[in-house]
Amino acid sequence: MKSARILALATLASITMASGLAAHTDATNPAVIKRMEVMKAIGGSMKTLAGMAKGEMAFEAEKANAAVATIAEQGMMVPAVFEANETDPATEALPAIWENWDDFAKKADDMVMAAKGVAEITEQGAIGAALGQIGGTCKACHDDYRKK
């Protein structure tokens, strides 16, 4: 059951990353582009973890730990890059972000805290726990604040 959940989170991370790539090339608003770059860095790190968890990429502890660190670092930037209510046809951000700012900012903080709480990854088996810790926070925010 646990491995099925890990696989589901890994698959979700891969799908989430792939679905956002096309929108990034169409954005023209510099503020929205910056937001997308931050989210792309987080998504890319989740994709790295998911790829290792699913065996699609070779396990490398250094890369896995760097991915977790990137999620924490970029996650700290999320409130700042979303603070201005900027629009762009290519954005996947919902107006609910600015209507429920405190909740959005808390969810960003939850992601950062989850990433910072991941113990050093020294073996492939530990990636599932990291995905579980971080992936749930990504989903919670995306469910409320990202176009589906």
C-alpha atoms as a PDB file:
ATOM      1  CA  MET A   1       0.000   0.000   0.000  1.00  0.00           C
ATOM      2  CA  LYS A   2       2.801   2.381   0.900  1.00  0.00           C
ATOM      3  CA  SER A   3       4.629   1.760  -2.389  1.00  0.00           C
ATOM      4  CA  ALA A   4       1.385   2.352  -4.302  1.00  0.00           C
ATOM      5  CA  ARG A   5       1.036   5.756  -2.610  1.00  0.00           C
ATOM      6  CA  ILE A   6       4.646   6.611  -3.418  1.00  0.00           C
ATOM      7  CA  LEU A   7       4.125   5.619  -7.038  1.00  0.00           C
ATOM      8  CA  ALA A   8       0.957   7.724  -7.161  1.00  0.00           C
ATOM      9  CA  LEU A   9       2.808  10.761  -5.772  1.00  0.00           C
ATOM     10  CA  ALA A  10       5.677  10.204  -8.179  1.00  0.00           C
ATOM     11  CA  THR A  11       3.264   9.980 -11.099  1.00  0.00           C
ATOM     12  CA  LEU A  12       1.428  13.116  -9.922  1.00  0.00           C
ATOM     13  CA  ALA A  13       4.729  14.990  -9.747  1.00  0.00           C
ATOM     14  CA  SER A  14       5.593  13.934 -13.311  1.00  0.00           C
ATOM     15  CA  ILE A  15       2.190  14.895 -14.696  1.00  0.00           C
ATOM     16  CA  THR A  16       2.159  18.213 -12.849  1.00  0.00           C
ATOM     17  CA  MET A  17       5.564  19.112 -14.215  1.00  0.00           C
ATOM     18  CA  ALA A  18       4.705  18.133 -17.787  1.00  0.00           C
ATOM     19  CA  SER A  19       1.417  20.020 -17.825  1.00  0.00           C
ATOM     20  CA  GLY A  20       3.041  23.291 -16.820  1.00  0.00           C
ATOM     21  CA  LEU A  21       5.854  23.346 -19.350  1.00  0.00           C
ATOM     22  CA  ALA A  22       3.800  24.495 -22.340  1.00  0.00           C
ATOM     23  CA  ALA A  23       2.262  27.426 -20.478  1.00  0.00           C
ATOM     24  CA  HIS A  24       5.700  28.789 -19.578  1.00  0.00           C
ATOM     25  CA  THR A  25       6.605  29.422 -23.197  1.00  0.00           C
ATOM     26  CA  ASP A  26       3.485  31.515 -23.826  1.00  0.00           C
ATOM     27  CA  ALA A  27       3.701  33.942 -20.890  1.00  0.00           C
ATOM     28  CA  THR A  28       4.680  37.552 -21.598  1.00  0.00           C
ATOM     29  CA  ASN A  29       4.155  39.273 -18.224  1.00  0.00           C
ATOM     30  CA  PRO A  30       7.576  39.414 -16.488  1.00  0.00           C
ATOM     31  CA  ALA A  31       6.035  38.949 -13.012  1.00  0.00           C
ATOM     32  CA  VAL A  32       4.137  35.868 -14.170  1.00  0.00           C
ATOM     33  CA  ILE A  33       7.232  34.518 -15.916  1.00  0.00           C
ATOM     34  CA  LYS A  34       9.179  34.864 -12.640  1.00  0.00           C
ATOM     35  CA  ARG A  35       6.424  32.976 -10.779  1.00  0.00           C
ATOM     36  CA  MET A  36       6.510  30.267 -13.399  1.00  0.00           C
ATOM     37  CA  GLU A  37      10.288  29.982 -13.142  1.00  0.00           C
ATOM     38  CA  VAL A  38      10.070  29.463  -9.377  1.00  0.00           C
ATOM     39  CA  MET A  39       7.342  26.860  -9.764  1.00  0.00           C
ATOM     40  CA  LYS A  40       9.246  25.190 -12.614  1.00  0.00           C
ATOM     41  CA  ALA A  41      12.301  24.821 -10.358  1.00  0.00           C
ATOM     42  CA  ILE A  42      10.142  23.219  -7.675  1.00  0.00           C
ATOM     43  CA  GLY A  43       8.409  20.996 -10.223  1.00  0.00           C
ATOM     44  CA  GLY A  44      11.710  19.982 -11.779  1.00  0.00           C
ATOM     45  CA  SER A  45      13.001  18.949  -8.386  1.00  0.00           C
ATOM     46  CA  MET A  46       9.852  16.937  -7.732  1.00  0.00           C
ATOM     47  CA  LYS A  47      10.312  15.324 -11.152  1.00  0.00           C
ATOM     48  CA  THR A  48      13.864  14.342 -10.200  1.00  0.00           C
ATOM     49  CA  LEU A  49      12.649  12.743  -6.981  1.00  0.00           C
ATOM     50  CA  ALA A  50       9.763  11.031  -8.783  1.00  0.00           C
ATOM     51  CA  GLY A  51      12.073   9.721 -11.498  1.00  0.00           C
ATOM     52  CA  MET A  52      14.387   8.213  -8.913  1.00  0.00           C
ATOM     53  CA  ALA A  53      11.469   6.778  -6.930  1.00  0.00           C
ATOM     54  CA  LYS A  54      10.020   5.126 -10.039  1.00  0.00           C
ATOM     55  CA  GLY A  55      13.417   3.840 -11.168  1.00  0.00           C
ATOM     56  CA  GLU A  56      13.354   5.957 -14.331  1.00  0.00           C
ATOM     57  CA  MET A  57      16.524   7.697 -13.187  1.00  0.00           C
ATOM     58  CA  ALA A  58      19.524   6.264 -11.418  1.00  0.00           C
ATOM     59  CA  PHE A  59      19.553   7.032  -7.703  1.00  0.00           C
ATOM     60  CA  GLU A  60      22.107   9.665  -6.781  1.00  0.00           C
ATOM     61  CA  ALA A  61      21.984  10.826  -3.181  1.00  0.00           C
ATOM     62  CA  GLU A  62      23.603  14.169  -4.025  1.00  0.00           C
ATOM     63  CA  LYS A  63      20.990  14.939  -6.707  1.00  0.00           C
ATOM     64  CA  ALA A  64      18.120  13.809  -4.487  1.00  0.00           C
ATOM     65  CA  ASN A  65      19.271  16.010  -1.613  1.00  0.00           C
ATOM     66  CA  ALA A  66      19.875  18.928  -3.983  1.00  0.00           C
ATOM     67  CA  ALA A  67      16.318  18.525  -5.286  1.00  0.00           C
ATOM     68  CA  VAL A  68      14.914  18.698  -1.755  1.00  0.00           C
ATOM     69  CA  ALA A  69      17.078  21.757  -1.011  1.00  0.00           C
ATOM     70  CA  THR A  70      15.861  23.460  -4.199  1.00  0.00           C
ATOM     71  CA  ILE A  71      12.240  22.859  -3.187  1.00  0.00           C
ATOM     72  CA  ALA A  72      12.892  24.515   0.181  1.00  0.00           C
ATOM     73  CA  GLU A  73      14.854  27.433  -1.303  1.00  0.00           C
ATOM     74  CA  GLN A  74      12.460  28.152  -4.159  1.00  0.00           C
ATOM     75  CA  GLY A  75       9.477  27.543  -1.898  1.00  0.00           C
ATOM     76  CA  MET A  76      10.599  30.410   0.325  1.00  0.00           C
ATOM     77  CA  MET A  77      10.280  32.675  -2.719  1.00  0.00           C
ATOM     78  CA  VAL A  78       6.685  31.687  -3.519  1.00  0.00           C
ATOM     79  CA  PRO A  79       4.893  34.343  -1.418  1.00  0.00           C
ATOM     80  CA  ALA A  80       7.141  37.108  -2.759  1.00  0.00           C
ATOM     81  CA  VAL A  81       6.696  36.199  -6.432  1.00  0.00           C
ATOM     82  CA  PHE A  82       2.933  35.784  -6.048  1.00  0.00           C
ATOM     83  CA  GLU A  83       2.332  38.851  -3.877  1.00  0.00           C
ATOM     84  CA  ALA A  84       1.424  41.105  -6.791  1.00  0.00           C
ATOM     85  CA  ASN A  85      -1.838  40.034  -8.412  1.00  0.00           C
ATOM     86  CA  GLU A  86      -0.440  39.934 -11.942  1.00  0.00           C
ATOM     87  CA  THR A  87      -2.262  38.291 -14.819  1.00  0.00           C
ATOM     88  CA  ASP A  88      -1.258  36.693 -18.078  1.00  0.00           C
ATOM     89  CA  PRO A  89      -3.262  34.436 -20.392  1.00  0.00           C
ATOM     90  CA  ALA A  90      -0.705  31.669 -19.832  1.00  0.00           C
ATOM     91  CA  THR A  91      -0.918  31.679 -16.035  1.00  0.00           C
ATOM     92  CA  GLU A  92      -2.247  28.679 -14.176  1.00  0.00           C
ATOM     93  CA  ALA A  93      -2.668  30.705 -10.988  1.00  0.00           C
ATOM     94  CA  LEU A  94      -6.263  31.140  -9.849  1.00  0.00           C
ATOM     95  CA  PRO A  95      -7.624  34.422  -8.439  1.00  0.00           C
ATOM     96  CA  ALA A  96      -8.295  32.477  -5.235  1.00  0.00           C
ATOM     97  CA  ILE A  97      -4.603  33.012  -4.361  1.00  0.00           C
ATOM     98  CA  TRP A  98      -5.180  36.702  -3.703  1.00  0.00           C
ATOM     99  CA  GLU A  99      -8.669  36.189  -2.290  1.00  0.00           C
ATOM    100  CA  ASN A 100      -7.264  33.746   0.304  1.00  0.00           C
ATOM    101  CA  TRP A 101      -3.744  35.115   0.622  1.00  0.00           C
ATOM    102  CA  ASP A 102      -3.071  33.965   4.191  1.00  0.00           C
ATOM    103  CA  ASP A 103      -4.032  30.381   3.357  1.00  0.00           C
ATOM    104  CA  PHE A 104      -1.942  30.438   0.180  1.00  0.00           C
ATOM    105  CA  ALA A 105       1.098  31.778   2.034  1.00  0.00           C
ATOM    106  CA  LYS A 106       0.637  29.163   4.756  1.00  0.00           C
ATOM    107  CA  LYS A 107       0.507  26.393   2.171  1.00  0.00           C
ATOM    108  CA  ALA A 108       3.740  27.687   0.637  1.00  0.00           C
ATOM    109  CA  ASP A 109       5.282  27.694   4.109  1.00  0.00           C
ATOM    110  CA  ASP A 110       4.008  24.153   4.692  1.00  0.00           C
ATOM    111  CA  MET A 111       5.890  23.049   1.572  1.00  0.00           C
ATOM    112  CA  VAL A 112       9.089  24.732   2.746  1.00  0.00           C
ATOM    113  CA  MET A 113       8.786  23.181   6.201  1.00  0.00           C
ATOM    114  CA  ALA A 114       8.100  19.750   4.687  1.00  0.00           C
ATOM    115  CA  ALA A 115      11.200  20.020   2.488  1.00  0.00           C
ATOM    116  CA  LYS A 116      13.335  21.259   5.372  1.00  0.00           C
ATOM    117  CA  GLY A 117      12.041  18.375   7.459  1.00  0.00           C
ATOM    118  CA  VAL A 118      13.253  15.724   5.028  1.00  0.00           C
ATOM    119  CA  ALA A 119      16.121  13.777   6.524  1.00  0.00           C
ATOM    120  CA  GLU A 120      19.229  13.440   4.398  1.00  0.00           C
ATOM    121  CA  ILE A 121      18.503  10.966   1.631  1.00  0.00           C
ATOM    122  CA  THR A 122      21.171   8.280   1.597  1.00  0.00           C
ATOM    123  CA  GLU A 123      19.322   5.495  -0.212  1.00  0.00           C
ATOM    124  CA  GLN A 124      16.663   5.197  -2.892  1.00  0.00           C
ATOM    125  CA  GLY A 125      14.139   3.822  -0.413  1.00  0.00           C
ATOM    126  CA  ALA A 126      14.115   7.142   1.440  1.00  0.00           C
ATOM    127  CA  ILE A 127      12.833   9.058  -1.572  1.00  0.00           C
ATOM    128  CA  GLY A 128       9.305   7.804  -1.055  1.00  0.00           C
ATOM    129  CA  ALA A 129       9.162   9.388   2.391  1.00  0.00           C
ATOM    130  CA  ALA A 130      10.454  12.675   0.956  1.00  0.00           C
ATOM    131  CA  LEU A 131       7.835  12.591  -1.807  1.00  0.00           C
ATOM    132  CA  GLY A 132       5.171  11.843   0.765  1.00  0.00           C
ATOM    133  CA  GLN A 133       6.202  14.756   2.973  1.00  0.00           C
ATOM    134  CA  ILE A 134       6.497  17.300   0.199  1.00  0.00           C
ATOM    135  CA  GLY A 135       4.019  15.988  -2.371  1.00  0.00           C
ATOM    136  CA  GLY A 136       1.030  16.352  -0.093  1.00  0.00           C
ATOM    137  CA  THR A 137       1.758  20.045   0.386  1.00  0.00           C
ATOM    138  CA  CYS A 138       2.071  20.577  -3.366  1.00  0.00           C
ATOM    139  CA  LYS A 139      -1.258  18.856  -3.964  1.00  0.00           C
ATOM    140  CA  ALA A 140      -2.990  20.844  -1.213  1.00  0.00           C
ATOM    141  CA  CYS A 141      -1.971  24.118  -2.827  1.00  0.00           C
ATOM    142  CA  HIS A 142      -2.587  23.034  -6.417  1.00  0.00           C
ATOM    143  CA  ASP A 143      -6.070  21.749  -5.538  1.00  0.00           C
ATOM    144  CA  ASP A 144      -7.109  25.231  -4.384  1.00  0.00           C
ATOM    145  CA  TYR A 145      -4.929  27.653  -6.299  1.00  0.00           C
ATOM    146  CA  ARG A 146      -3.973  26.201  -9.708  1.00  0.00           C
ATOM    147  CA  LYS A 147      -6.058  25.667 -12.829  1.00  0.00           C
ATOM    148  CA  LYS A 148      -6.672  22.033 -13.471  1.00  0.00           C
END
